[in-house]
PDB file of N, CA and C in Angstrom:
ATOM      1  N   MET A   1      82.274 108.926 107.875  1.00  0.00           N
ATOM      2  CA  MET A   1      82.521 107.549 108.215  1.00  0.00           C
ATOM      3  C   MET A   1      81.504 106.716 107.437  1.00  0.00           C
ATOM      4  N   GLU A   2      81.926 105.556 106.971  1.00  0.00           N
ATOM      5  CA  GLU A   2      81.044 104.682 106.201  1.00  0.00           C
ATOM      6  C   GLU A   2      81.171 103.248 106.723  1.00  0.00           C
ATOM      7  N   ILE A   3      80.036 102.552 106.768  1.00  0.00           N
ATOM      8  CA  ILE A   3      80.020 101.148 107.165  1.00  0.00           C
ATOM      9  C   ILE A   3      79.402 100.351 106.026  1.00  0.00           C
ATOM     10  N   SER A   4      79.909  99.129 105.810  1.00  0.00           N
ATOM     11  CA  SER A   4      79.376  98.301 104.726  1.00  0.00           C
ATOM     12  C   SER A   4      79.553  96.821 105.051  1.00  0.00           C
ATOM     13  N   TYR A   5      78.828  96.010 104.292  1.00  0.00           N
ATOM     14  CA  TYR A   5      79.038  94.569 104.323  1.00  0.00           C
ATOM     15  C   TYR A   5      78.618  94.025 102.975  1.00  0.00           C
ATOM     16  N   GLN A   6      79.073  92.808 102.658  1.00  0.00           N
ATOM     17  CA  GLN A   6      78.770  92.189 101.378  1.00  0.00           C
ATOM     18  C   GLN A   6      78.019  90.890 101.605  1.00  0.00           C
ATOM     19  N   THR A   7      76.910  90.720 100.896  1.00  0.00           N
ATOM     20  CA  THR A   7      76.123  89.496 101.011  1.00  0.00           C
ATOM     21  C   THR A   7      76.822  88.364 100.276  1.00  0.00           C
ATOM     22  N   GLU A   8      76.339  87.141 100.495  1.00  0.00           N
ATOM     23  CA  GLU A   8      76.932  85.975  99.829  1.00  0.00           C
ATOM     24  C   GLU A   8      76.802  86.054  98.313  1.00  0.00           C
ATOM     25  N   ASP A   9      75.755  86.730  97.818  1.00  0.00           N
ATOM     26  CA  ASP A   9      75.588  86.857  96.371  1.00  0.00           C
ATOM     27  C   ASP A   9      76.284  88.091  95.799  1.00  0.00           C
ATOM     28  N   GLY A  10      77.124  88.737  96.597  1.00  0.00           N
ATOM     29  CA  GLY A  10      77.973  89.809  96.102  1.00  0.00           C
ATOM     30  C   GLY A  10      77.397  91.210  96.188  1.00  0.00           C
ATOM     31  N   ILE A  11      76.207  91.372  96.738  1.00  0.00           N
ATOM     32  CA  ILE A  11      75.605  92.697  96.858  1.00  0.00           C
ATOM     33  C   ILE A  11      76.213  93.403  98.069  1.00  0.00           C
ATOM     34  N   VAL A  12      76.681  94.624  97.850  1.00  0.00           N
ATOM     35  CA  VAL A  12      77.278  95.409  98.925  1.00  0.00           C
ATOM     36  C   VAL A  12      76.242  96.401  99.451  1.00  0.00           C
ATOM     37  N   HIS A  13      76.030  96.365 100.751  1.00  0.00           N
ATOM     38  CA  HIS A  13      75.162  97.338 101.414  1.00  0.00           C
ATOM     39  C   HIS A  13      76.078  98.274 102.188  1.00  0.00           C
ATOM     40  N   HIS A  14      75.888  99.571 102.015  1.00  0.00           N
ATOM     41  CA  HIS A  14      76.726 100.519 102.747  1.00  0.00           C
ATOM     42  C   HIS A  14      75.908 101.733 103.133  1.00  0.00           C
ATOM     43  N   GLN A  15      76.424 102.442 104.122  1.00  0.00           N
ATOM     44  CA  GLN A  15      75.732 103.631 104.596  1.00  0.00           C
ATOM     45  C   GLN A  15      76.760 104.603 105.171  1.00  0.00           C
ATOM     46  N   ILE A  16      76.590 105.863 104.840  1.00  0.00           N
ATOM     47  CA  ILE A  16      77.364 106.916 105.483  1.00  0.00           C
ATOM     48  C   ILE A  16      76.757 107.087 106.871  1.00  0.00           C
ATOM     49  N   ILE A  17      77.596 107.105 107.895  1.00  0.00           N
ATOM     50  CA  ILE A  17      77.079 107.259 109.252  1.00  0.00           C
ATOM     51  C   ILE A  17      77.615 108.556 109.856  1.00  0.00           C
ATOM     52  N   ASN A  18      76.697 109.263 110.481  1.00  0.00           N
ATOM     53  CA  ASN A  18      77.040 110.540 111.100  1.00  0.00           C
ATOM     54  C   ASN A  18      76.880 110.515 112.609  1.00  0.00           C
ATOM     55  N   THR A  19      76.286 109.440 113.125  1.00  0.00           N
ATOM     56  CA  THR A  19      76.096 109.319 114.567  1.00  0.00           C
ATOM     57  C   THR A  19      76.377 107.887 115.002  1.00  0.00           C
ATOM     58  N   VAL A  20      76.650 107.726 116.277  1.00  0.00           N
ATOM     59  CA  VAL A  20      76.857 106.394 116.846  1.00  0.00           C
ATOM     60  C   VAL A  20      75.578 105.568 116.703  1.00  0.00           C
ATOM     61  N   GLU A  21      74.435 106.214 116.859  1.00  0.00           N
ATOM     62  CA  GLU A  21      73.155 105.519 116.748  1.00  0.00           C
ATOM     63  C   GLU A  21      72.959 104.920 115.357  1.00  0.00           C
ATOM     64  N   GLN A  22      73.384 105.628 114.314  1.00  0.00           N
ATOM     65  CA  GLN A  22      73.261 105.108 112.951  1.00  0.00           C
ATOM     66  C   GLN A  22      74.120 103.862 112.757  1.00  0.00           C
ATOM     67  N   MET A  23      75.296 103.833 113.367  1.00  0.00           N
ATOM     68  CA  MET A  23      76.152 102.651 113.270  1.00  0.00           C
ATOM     69  C   MET A  23      75.476 101.468 113.959  1.00  0.00           C
ATOM     70  N   SER A  24      74.931 101.679 115.143  1.00  0.00           N
ATOM     71  CA  SER A  24      74.231 100.610 115.868  1.00  0.00           C
ATOM     72  C   SER A  24      73.034 100.102 115.071  1.00  0.00           C
ATOM     73  N   GLU A  25      72.281 101.018 114.491  1.00  0.00           N
ATOM     74  CA  GLU A  25      71.105 100.635 113.697  1.00  0.00           C
ATOM     75  C   GLU A  25      71.500  99.811 112.473  1.00  0.00           C
ATOM     76  N   PHE A  26      72.581 100.186 111.796  1.00  0.00           N
ATOM     77  CA  PHE A  26      73.039  99.440 110.622  1.00  0.00           C
ATOM     78  C   PHE A  26      73.388  98.011 111.015  1.00  0.00           C
ATOM     79  N   ILE A  27      74.106  97.847 112.119  1.00  0.00           N
ATOM     80  CA  ILE A  27      74.494  96.508 112.575  1.00  0.00           C
ATOM     81  C   ILE A  27      73.264  95.697 112.983  1.00  0.00           C
ATOM     82  N   ASN A  28      72.272  96.341 113.580  1.00  0.00           N
ATOM     83  CA  ASN A  28      71.025  95.640 113.914  1.00  0.00           C
ATOM     84  C   ASN A  28      70.249  95.253 112.669  1.00  0.00           C
ATOM     85  N   LEU A  29      70.217  96.140 111.666  1.00  0.00           N
ATOM     86  CA  LEU A  29      69.450  95.900 110.450  1.00  0.00           C
ATOM     87  C   LEU A  29      70.077  94.818 109.572  1.00  0.00           C
ATOM     88  N   TYR A  30      71.392  94.865 109.417  1.00  0.00           N
ATOM     89  CA  TYR A  30      72.106  93.914 108.569  1.00  0.00           C
ATOM     90  C   TYR A  30      72.956  93.017 109.460  1.00  0.00           C
ATOM     91  N   SER A  31      72.343  92.035 110.033  1.00  0.00           N
ATOM     92  CA  SER A  31      73.035  91.141 110.967  1.00  0.00           C
ATOM     93  C   SER A  31      73.894  90.147 110.188  1.00  0.00           C
ATOM     94  N   CYS A  32      75.203  90.277 110.333  1.00  0.00           N
ATOM     95  CA  CYS A  32      76.140  89.350 109.692  1.00  0.00           C
ATOM     96  C   CYS A  32      77.380  89.237 110.569  1.00  0.00           C
ATOM     97  N   SER A  33      78.346  88.459 110.124  1.00  0.00           N
ATOM     98  CA  SER A  33      79.519  88.216 110.974  1.00  0.00           C
ATOM     99  C   SER A  33      80.656  89.205 110.742  1.00  0.00           C
ATOM    100  N   ASP A  34      80.625  89.919 109.617  1.00  0.00           N
ATOM    101  CA  ASP A  34      81.701  90.887 109.406  1.00  0.00           C
ATOM    102  C   ASP A  34      81.226  92.093 108.601  1.00  0.00           C
ATOM    103  N   TYR A  35      81.872  93.214 108.893  1.00  0.00           N
ATOM    104  CA  TYR A  35      81.565  94.499 108.276  1.00  0.00           C
ATOM    105  C   TYR A  35      82.879  95.184 107.936  1.00  0.00           C
ATOM    106  N   TYR A  36      82.784  96.237 107.157  1.00  0.00           N
ATOM    107  CA  TYR A  36      83.937  97.084 106.853  1.00  0.00           C
ATOM    108  C   TYR A  36      83.589  98.497 107.279  1.00  0.00           C
ATOM    109  N   LEU A  37      84.495  99.122 107.988  1.00  0.00           N
ATOM    110  CA  LEU A  37      84.289 100.456 108.510  1.00  0.00           C
ATOM    111  C   LEU A  37      85.376 101.357 107.956  1.00  0.00           C
ATOM    112  N   GLN A  38      84.964 102.398 107.252  1.00  0.00           N
ATOM    113  CA  GLN A  38      85.922 103.353 106.711  1.00  0.00           C
ATOM    114  C   GLN A  38      85.890 104.598 107.587  1.00  0.00           C
ATOM    115  N   ILE A  39      87.019 104.893 108.204  1.00  0.00           N
ATOM    116  CA  ILE A  39      87.165 106.059 109.067  1.00  0.00           C
ATOM    117  C   ILE A  39      88.245 106.924 108.447  1.00  0.00           C
ATOM    118  N   GLN A  40      87.835 108.081 107.946  1.00  0.00           N
ATOM    119  CA  GLN A  40      88.704 108.960 107.168  1.00  0.00           C
ATOM    120  C   GLN A  40      89.291 108.127 106.028  1.00  0.00           C
ATOM    121  N   SER A  41      90.591 107.977 105.932  1.00  0.00           N
ATOM    122  CA  SER A  41      91.166 107.245 104.800  1.00  0.00           C
ATOM    123  C   SER A  41      91.574 105.819 105.165  1.00  0.00           C
ATOM    124  N   LEU A  42      91.191 105.350 106.345  1.00  0.00           N
ATOM    125  CA  LEU A  42      91.540 103.993 106.773  1.00  0.00           C
ATOM    126  C   LEU A  42      90.327 103.080 106.717  1.00  0.00           C
ATOM    127  N   THR A  43      90.569 101.833 106.334  1.00  0.00           N
ATOM    128  CA  THR A  43      89.521 100.824 106.334  1.00  0.00           C
ATOM    129  C   THR A  43      89.824  99.784 107.397  1.00  0.00           C
ATOM    130  N   TYR A  44      88.802  99.440 108.162  1.00  0.00           N
ATOM    131  CA  TYR A  44      88.904  98.439 109.217  1.00  0.00           C
ATOM    132  C   TYR A  44      87.921  97.315 108.936  1.00  0.00           C
ATOM    133  N   HIS A  45      88.354  96.095 109.202  1.00  0.00           N
ATOM    134  CA  HIS A  45      87.488  94.930 109.094  1.00  0.00           C
ATOM    135  C   HIS A  45      86.959  94.612 110.487  1.00  0.00           C
ATOM    136  N   LEU A  46      85.642  94.504 110.625  1.00  0.00           N
ATOM    137  CA  LEU A  46      85.015  94.135 111.893  1.00  0.00           C
ATOM    138  C   LEU A  46      84.545  92.694 111.782  1.00  0.00           C
ATOM    139  N   LEU A  47      85.078  91.825 112.624  1.00  0.00           N
ATOM    140  CA  LEU A  47      84.717  90.414 112.622  1.00  0.00           C
ATOM    141  C   LEU A  47      84.078  90.063 113.961  1.00  0.00           C
ATOM    142  N   LYS A  48      82.859  89.558 113.906  1.00  0.00           N
ATOM    143  CA  LYS A  48      82.145  89.195 115.128  1.00  0.00           C
ATOM    144  C   LYS A  48      82.872  88.043 115.806  1.00  0.00           C
ATOM    145  N   THR A  49      83.203  88.232 117.102  1.00  0.00           N
ATOM    146  CA  THR A  49      83.943  87.193 117.814  1.00  0.00           C
ATOM    147  C   THR A  49      83.206  86.650 119.029  1.00  0.00           C
ATOM    148  N   ALA A  50      82.307  87.435 119.617  1.00  0.00           N
ATOM    149  CA  ALA A  50      81.629  86.989 120.846  1.00  0.00           C
ATOM    150  C   ALA A  50      80.412  87.858 121.101  1.00  0.00           C
ATOM    151  N   ARG A  51      79.726  87.546 122.171  1.00  0.00           N
ATOM    152  CA  ARG A  51      78.588  88.345 122.632  1.00  0.00           C
ATOM    153  C   ARG A  51      78.988  89.002 123.946  1.00  0.00           C
ATOM    154  N   CYS A  52      78.323  90.098 124.257  1.00  0.00           N
ATOM    155  CA  CYS A  52      78.567  90.799 125.519  1.00  0.00           C
ATOM    156  C   CYS A  52      77.232  91.348 126.007  1.00  0.00           C
ATOM    157  N   ALA A  53      77.261  91.964 127.157  1.00  0.00           N
ATOM    158  CA  ALA A  53      76.043  92.592 127.678  1.00  0.00           C
ATOM    159  C   ALA A  53      75.625  93.721 126.739  1.00  0.00           C
ATOM    160  N   LEU A  54      74.331  93.938 126.621  1.00  0.00           N
ATOM    161  CA  LEU A  54      73.820  95.004 125.773  1.00  0.00           C
ATOM    162  C   LEU A  54      74.373  96.346 126.245  1.00  0.00           C
ATOM    163  N   ARG A  55      74.895  97.114 125.304  1.00  0.00           N
ATOM    164  CA  ARG A  55      75.531  98.393 125.625  1.00  0.00           C
ATOM    165  C   ARG A  55      74.680  99.539 125.103  1.00  0.00           C
ATOM    166  N   ASP A  56      74.608 100.623 125.882  1.00  0.00           N
ATOM    167  CA  ASP A  56      73.956 101.839 125.405  1.00  0.00           C
ATOM    168  C   ASP A  56      74.824 102.546 124.373  1.00  0.00           C
ATOM    169  N   TYR A  57      76.148 102.501 124.588  1.00  0.00           N
ATOM    170  CA  TYR A  57      77.099 103.120 123.677  1.00  0.00           C
ATOM    171  C   TYR A  57      78.210 102.123 123.378  1.00  0.00           C
ATOM    172  N   PRO A  58      78.740 102.164 122.156  1.00  0.00           N
ATOM    173  CA  PRO A  58      79.863 101.280 121.834  1.00  0.00           C
ATOM    174  C   PRO A  58      81.082 101.587 122.695  1.00  0.00           C
ATOM    175  N   LYS A  59      81.922 100.581 122.850  1.00  0.00           N
ATOM    176  CA  LYS A  59      83.183 100.735 123.579  1.00  0.00           C
ATOM    177  C   LYS A  59      84.289 100.172 122.705  1.00  0.00           C
ATOM    178  N   ILE A  60      85.380 100.917 122.594  1.00  0.00           N
ATOM    179  CA  ILE A  60      86.546 100.452 121.840  1.00  0.00           C
ATOM    180  C   ILE A  60      87.668 100.186 122.828  1.00  0.00           C
ATOM    181  N   ILE A  61      88.393  99.089 122.594  1.00  0.00           N
ATOM    182  CA  ILE A  61      89.449  98.635 123.501  1.00  0.00           C
ATOM    183  C   ILE A  61      90.692  98.331 122.674  1.00  0.00           C
ATOM    184  N   LEU A  62      91.838  98.784 123.155  1.00  0.00           N
ATOM    185  CA  LEU A  62      93.100  98.500 122.478  1.00  0.00           C
ATOM    186  C   LEU A  62      93.436  97.021 122.633  1.00  0.00           C
ATOM    187  N   HIS A  63      93.839  96.374 121.538  1.00  0.00           N
ATOM    188  CA  HIS A  63      94.109  94.935 121.524  1.00  0.00           C
ATOM    189  C   HIS A  63      95.419  94.721 120.777  1.00  0.00           C
ATOM    190  N   ILE A  64      96.475  94.332 121.489  1.00  0.00           N
ATOM    191  CA  ILE A  64      97.792  94.162 120.863  1.00  0.00           C
ATOM    192  C   ILE A  64      98.286  92.740 121.099  1.00  0.00           C
ATOM    193  N   GLN A  65      98.564  92.032 120.002  1.00  0.00           N
ATOM    194  CA  GLN A  65      99.125  90.675 120.031  1.00  0.00           C
ATOM    195  C   GLN A  65      98.410  89.786 121.061  1.00  0.00           C
ATOM    196  N   GLY A  66      97.095  89.732 120.956  1.00  0.00           N
ATOM    197  CA  GLY A  66      96.326  88.839 121.804  1.00  0.00           C
ATOM    198  C   GLY A  66      96.099  89.333 123.216  1.00  0.00           C
ATOM    199  N   ARG A  67      96.613  90.514 123.558  1.00  0.00           N
ATOM    200  CA  ARG A  67      96.428  91.051 124.909  1.00  0.00           C
ATOM    201  C   ARG A  67      95.474  92.236 124.849  1.00  0.00           C
ATOM    202  N   ILE A  68      94.542  92.271 125.767  1.00  0.00           N
ATOM    203  CA  ILE A  68      93.659  93.416 125.892  1.00  0.00           C
ATOM    204  C   ILE A  68      94.312  94.369 126.884  1.00  0.00           C
ATOM    205  N   LEU A  69      94.519  95.598 126.464  1.00  0.00           N
ATOM    206  CA  LEU A  69      95.189  96.583 127.304  1.00  0.00           C
ATOM    207  C   LEU A  69      94.161  97.497 127.975  1.00  0.00           C
ATOM    208  N   PRO A  70      94.554  98.182 129.027  1.00  0.00           N
ATOM    209  CA  PRO A  70      93.580  98.981 129.778  1.00  0.00           C
ATOM    210  C   PRO A  70      93.089 100.243 129.060  1.00  0.00           C
ATOM    211  N   GLN A  71      93.610 100.545 127.879  1.00  0.00           N
ATOM    212  CA  GLN A  71      93.136 101.714 127.148  1.00  0.00           C
ATOM    213  C   GLN A  71      91.805 101.374 126.478  1.00  0.00           C
ATOM    214  N   GLU A  72      90.742 102.054 126.922  1.00  0.00           N
ATOM    215  CA  GLU A  72      89.422 101.848 126.326  1.00  0.00           C
ATOM    216  C   GLU A  72      88.643 103.145 126.426  1.00  0.00           C
ATOM    217  N   LEU A  73      87.579 103.245 125.618  1.00  0.00           N
ATOM    218  CA  LEU A  73      86.792 104.462 125.593  1.00  0.00           C
ATOM    219  C   LEU A  73      85.370 104.146 125.180  1.00  0.00           C
ATOM    220  N   LEU A  74      84.397 104.694 125.907  1.00  0.00           N
ATOM    221  CA  LEU A  74      83.005 104.642 125.470  1.00  0.00           C
ATOM    222  C   LEU A  74      82.846 105.647 124.344  1.00  0.00           C
ATOM    223  N   ILE A  75      82.172 105.238 123.284  1.00  0.00           N
ATOM    224  CA  ILE A  75      82.021 106.102 122.119  1.00  0.00           C
ATOM    225  C   ILE A  75      80.606 106.681 122.129  1.00  0.00           C
ATOM    226  N   THR A  76      80.513 107.945 122.515  1.00  0.00           N
ATOM    227  CA  THR A  76      79.211 108.601 122.521  1.00  0.00           C
ATOM    228  C   THR A  76      79.022 109.474 121.286  1.00  0.00           C
ATOM    229  N   TYR A  77      80.125 109.873 120.663  1.00  0.00           N
ATOM    230  CA  TYR A  77      80.111 110.646 119.420  1.00  0.00           C
ATOM    231  C   TYR A  77      81.143 110.031 118.479  1.00  0.00           C
ATOM    232  N   LEU A  78      80.925 110.180 117.178  1.00  0.00           N
ATOM    233  CA  LEU A  78      81.881 109.617 116.227  1.00  0.00           C
ATOM    234  C   LEU A  78      83.270 110.235 116.375  1.00  0.00           C
ATOM    235  N   ASP A  79      83.343 111.469 116.841  1.00  0.00           N
ATOM    236  CA  ASP A  79      84.656 112.090 117.086  1.00  0.00           C
ATOM    237  C   ASP A  79      85.461 111.294 118.111  1.00  0.00           C
ATOM    238  N   ASP A  80      84.776 110.584 119.010  1.00  0.00           N
ATOM    239  CA  ASP A  80      85.469 109.739 119.979  1.00  0.00           C
ATOM    240  C   ASP A  80      86.278 108.654 119.272  1.00  0.00           C
ATOM    241  N   PHE A  81      85.722 108.097 118.186  1.00  0.00           N
ATOM    242  CA  PHE A  81      86.434 107.102 117.384  1.00  0.00           C
ATOM    243  C   PHE A  81      87.745 107.702 116.879  1.00  0.00           C
ATOM    244  N   HIS A  82      87.639 108.853 116.225  1.00  0.00           N
ATOM    245  CA  HIS A  82      88.820 109.503 115.656  1.00  0.00           C
ATOM    246  C   HIS A  82      89.864 109.782 116.731  1.00  0.00           C
ATOM    247  N   TYR A  83      89.415 110.281 117.858  1.00  0.00           N
ATOM    248  CA  TYR A  83      90.331 110.604 118.956  1.00  0.00           C
ATOM    249  C   TYR A  83      91.060 109.345 119.444  1.00  0.00           C
ATOM    250  N   PHE A  84      90.306 108.291 119.747  1.00  0.00           N
ATOM    251  CA  PHE A  84      90.914 107.078 120.290  1.00  0.00           C
ATOM    252  C   PHE A  84      91.894 106.473 119.301  1.00  0.00           C
ATOM    253  N   LEU A  85      91.511 106.370 118.043  1.00  0.00           N
ATOM    254  CA  LEU A  85      92.388 105.772 117.034  1.00  0.00           C
ATOM    255  C   LEU A  85      93.659 106.595 116.834  1.00  0.00           C
ATOM    256  N   SER A  86      93.550 107.914 116.930  1.00  0.00           N
ATOM    257  CA  SER A  86      94.746 108.746 116.763  1.00  0.00           C
ATOM    258  C   SER A  86      95.658 108.682 117.987  1.00  0.00           C
ATOM    259  N   GLN A  87      95.091 108.514 119.174  1.00  0.00           N
ATOM    260  CA  GLN A  87      95.878 108.466 120.399  1.00  0.00           C
ATOM    261  C   GLN A  87      96.475 107.093 120.682  1.00  0.00           C
ATOM    262  N   HIS A  88      95.854 106.043 120.139  1.00  0.00           N
ATOM    263  CA  HIS A  88      96.290 104.667 120.397  1.00  0.00           C
ATOM    264  C   HIS A  88      96.402 103.896 119.077  1.00  0.00           C
ATOM    265  N   PRO A  89      97.361 104.265 118.217  1.00  0.00           N
ATOM    266  CA  PRO A  89      97.491 103.572 116.930  1.00  0.00           C
ATOM    267  C   PRO A  89      97.844 102.096 117.125  1.00  0.00           C
ATOM    268  N   SER A  90      97.145 101.248 116.419  1.00  0.00           N
ATOM    269  CA  SER A  90      97.358  99.812 116.514  1.00  0.00           C
ATOM    270  C   SER A  90      96.778  99.149 115.269  1.00  0.00           C
ATOM    271  N   GLN A  91      97.123  97.895 115.073  1.00  0.00           N
ATOM    272  CA  GLN A  91      96.532  97.114 113.987  1.00  0.00           C
ATOM    273  C   GLN A  91      95.193  96.514 114.401  1.00  0.00           C
ATOM    274  N   GLN A  92      94.991  96.310 115.713  1.00  0.00           N
ATOM    275  CA  GLN A  92      93.773  95.644 116.176  1.00  0.00           C
ATOM    276  C   GLN A  92      93.184  96.325 117.407  1.00  0.00           C
ATOM    277  N   TYR A  93      91.853  96.280 117.436  1.00  0.00           N
ATOM    278  CA  TYR A  93      91.078  96.771 118.570  1.00  0.00           C
ATOM    279  C   TYR A  93      89.942  95.791 118.795  1.00  0.00           C
ATOM    280  N   LEU A  94      89.291  95.912 119.913  1.00  0.00           N
ATOM    281  CA  LEU A  94      88.018  95.237 120.128  1.00  0.00           C
ATOM    282  C   LEU A  94      86.959  96.321 120.169  1.00  0.00           C
ATOM    283  N   LEU A  95      85.832  96.058 119.529  1.00  0.00           N
ATOM    284  CA  LEU A  95      84.734  97.006 119.509  1.00  0.00           C
ATOM    285  C   LEU A  95      83.495  96.289 120.022  1.00  0.00           C
ATOM    286  N   GLU A  96      82.950  96.782 121.117  1.00  0.00           N
ATOM    287  CA  GLU A  96      81.706  96.245 121.666  1.00  0.00           C
ATOM    288  C   GLU A  96      80.596  97.194 121.250  1.00  0.00           C
ATOM    289  N   ILE A  97      79.640  96.661 120.488  1.00  0.00           N
ATOM    290  CA  ILE A  97      78.520  97.481 120.039  1.00  0.00           C
ATOM    291  C   ILE A  97      77.257  96.637 120.097  1.00  0.00           C
ATOM    292  N   ASN A  98      76.181  97.249 120.557  1.00  0.00           N
ATOM    293  CA  ASN A  98      74.943  96.532 120.844  1.00  0.00           C
ATOM    294  C   ASN A  98      75.293  95.428 121.846  1.00  0.00           C
ATOM    295  N   SER A  99      75.156  94.173 121.485  1.00  0.00           N
ATOM    296  CA  SER A  99      75.558  93.083 122.396  1.00  0.00           C
ATOM    297  C   SER A  99      76.578  92.166 121.720  1.00  0.00           C
ATOM    298  N   ILE A 100      77.373  92.744 120.822  1.00  0.00           N
ATOM    299  CA  ILE A 100      78.330  91.977 120.022  1.00  0.00           C
ATOM    300  C   ILE A 100      79.743  92.522 120.237  1.00  0.00           C
ATOM    301  N   VAL A 101      80.705  91.606 120.317  1.00  0.00           N
ATOM    302  CA  VAL A 101      82.114  91.982 120.366  1.00  0.00           C
ATOM    303  C   VAL A 101      82.712  91.702 118.994  1.00  0.00           C
ATOM    304  N   PHE A 102      83.333  92.712 118.410  1.00  0.00           N
ATOM    305  CA  PHE A 102      84.005  92.583 117.122  1.00  0.00           C
ATOM    306  C   PHE A 102      85.501  92.764 117.312  1.00  0.00           C
ATOM    307  N   LYS A 103      86.281  91.966 116.581  1.00  0.00           N
ATOM    308  CA  LYS A 103      87.700  92.256 116.428  1.00  0.00           C
ATOM    309  C   LYS A 103      87.769  93.260 115.289  1.00  0.00           C
ATOM    310  N   MET A 104      88.377  94.405 115.547  1.00  0.00           N
ATOM    311  CA  MET A 104      88.469  95.487 114.567  1.00  0.00           C
ATOM    312  C   MET A 104      89.913  95.565 114.100  1.00  0.00           C
ATOM    313  N   GLN A 105      90.158  95.160 112.852  1.00  0.00           N
ATOM    314  CA  GLN A 105      91.520  95.078 112.336  1.00  0.00           C
ATOM    315  C   GLN A 105      91.713  96.069 111.196  1.00  0.00           C
ATOM    316  N   LYS A 106      92.809  96.828 111.269  1.00  0.00           N
ATOM    317  CA  LYS A 106      93.130  97.795 110.225  1.00  0.00           C
ATOM    318  C   LYS A 106      93.554  97.054 108.962  1.00  0.00           C
ATOM    319  N   LEU A 107      92.905  97.405 107.841  1.00  0.00           N
ATOM    320  CA  LEU A 107      93.264  96.782 106.565  1.00  0.00           C
ATOM    321  C   LEU A 107      94.227  97.631 105.765  1.00  0.00           C
ATOM    322  N   GLY A 108      94.061  98.942 105.812  1.00  0.00           N
ATOM    323  CA  GLY A 108      94.976  99.786 105.076  1.00  0.00           C
ATOM    324  C   GLY A 108      94.375 101.131 104.746  1.00  0.00           C
ATOM    325  N   ILE A 109      95.160 101.898 104.024  1.00  0.00           N
ATOM    326  CA  ILE A 109      94.774 103.254 103.634  1.00  0.00           C
ATOM    327  C   ILE A 109      94.197 103.204 102.232  1.00  0.00           C
ATOM    328  N   ILE A 110      93.095 103.951 102.050  1.00  0.00           N
ATOM    329  CA  ILE A 110      92.530 104.064 100.714  1.00  0.00           C
ATOM    330  C   ILE A 110      92.709 105.498 100.241  1.00  0.00           C
ATOM    331  N   ASN A 111      92.800 105.657  98.954  1.00  0.00           N
ATOM    332  CA  ASN A 111      92.884 107.008  98.375  1.00  0.00           C
ATOM    333  C   ASN A 111      91.476 107.428  97.996  1.00  0.00           C
ATOM    334  N   ASN A 112      91.053 108.565  98.523  1.00  0.00           N
ATOM    335  CA  ASN A 112      89.710 109.075  98.251  1.00  0.00           C
ATOM    336  C   ASN A 112      89.834 110.569  97.986  1.00  0.00           C
ATOM    337  N   ALA A 113      89.485 110.960  96.798  1.00  0.00           N
ATOM    338  CA  ALA A 113      89.614 112.359  96.419  1.00  0.00           C
ATOM    339  C   ALA A 113      88.662 113.265  97.185  1.00  0.00           C
ATOM    340  N   ASN A 114      87.620 112.696  97.797  1.00  0.00           N
ATOM    341  CA  ASN A 114      86.640 113.510  98.536  1.00  0.00           C
ATOM    342  C   ASN A 114      87.087 113.816  99.942  1.00  0.00           C
ATOM    343  N   GLU A 115      88.156 113.219 100.431  1.00  0.00           N
ATOM    344  CA  GLU A 115      88.602 113.439 101.824  1.00  0.00           C
ATOM    345  C   GLU A 115      89.299 114.771 101.942  1.00  0.00           C
TER     346      GLU A 115
END
C-alpha cells in the first residue's frame, strides 16, 4: 500500500506503508487537505471533509450517494482495508483517521508490473 500527496510547487511525497501506524504518522507529518492512497491496483483520493474525535485506529465507513450506511470497520491491520473494500465495493467511503474525516473516492485502476 502506498500513500502520497503533492505540494503546491509540484513535489510529490510518498511512502510505502506496511502498518496502520505508518499511515497515521504520514498524515500527521504531511498535514494537507488531500492524499492519494494506492491499495493493490486501485487508487483512491482522500479529501479532508471534517474533524472527529481522536481515534486510536482508523475507521472506514461505506458511503453511497450521500448516505452513510451501517457497514463500517475499525482498521487495526492493513489487511482490514483489503477485506472491507473487497466485501463492500463502492465508489466512495468515509475514512476517519487520527482526528480527521476524509471522503475516500475511488479514482481507478492502475497497471503496475510489480503487483
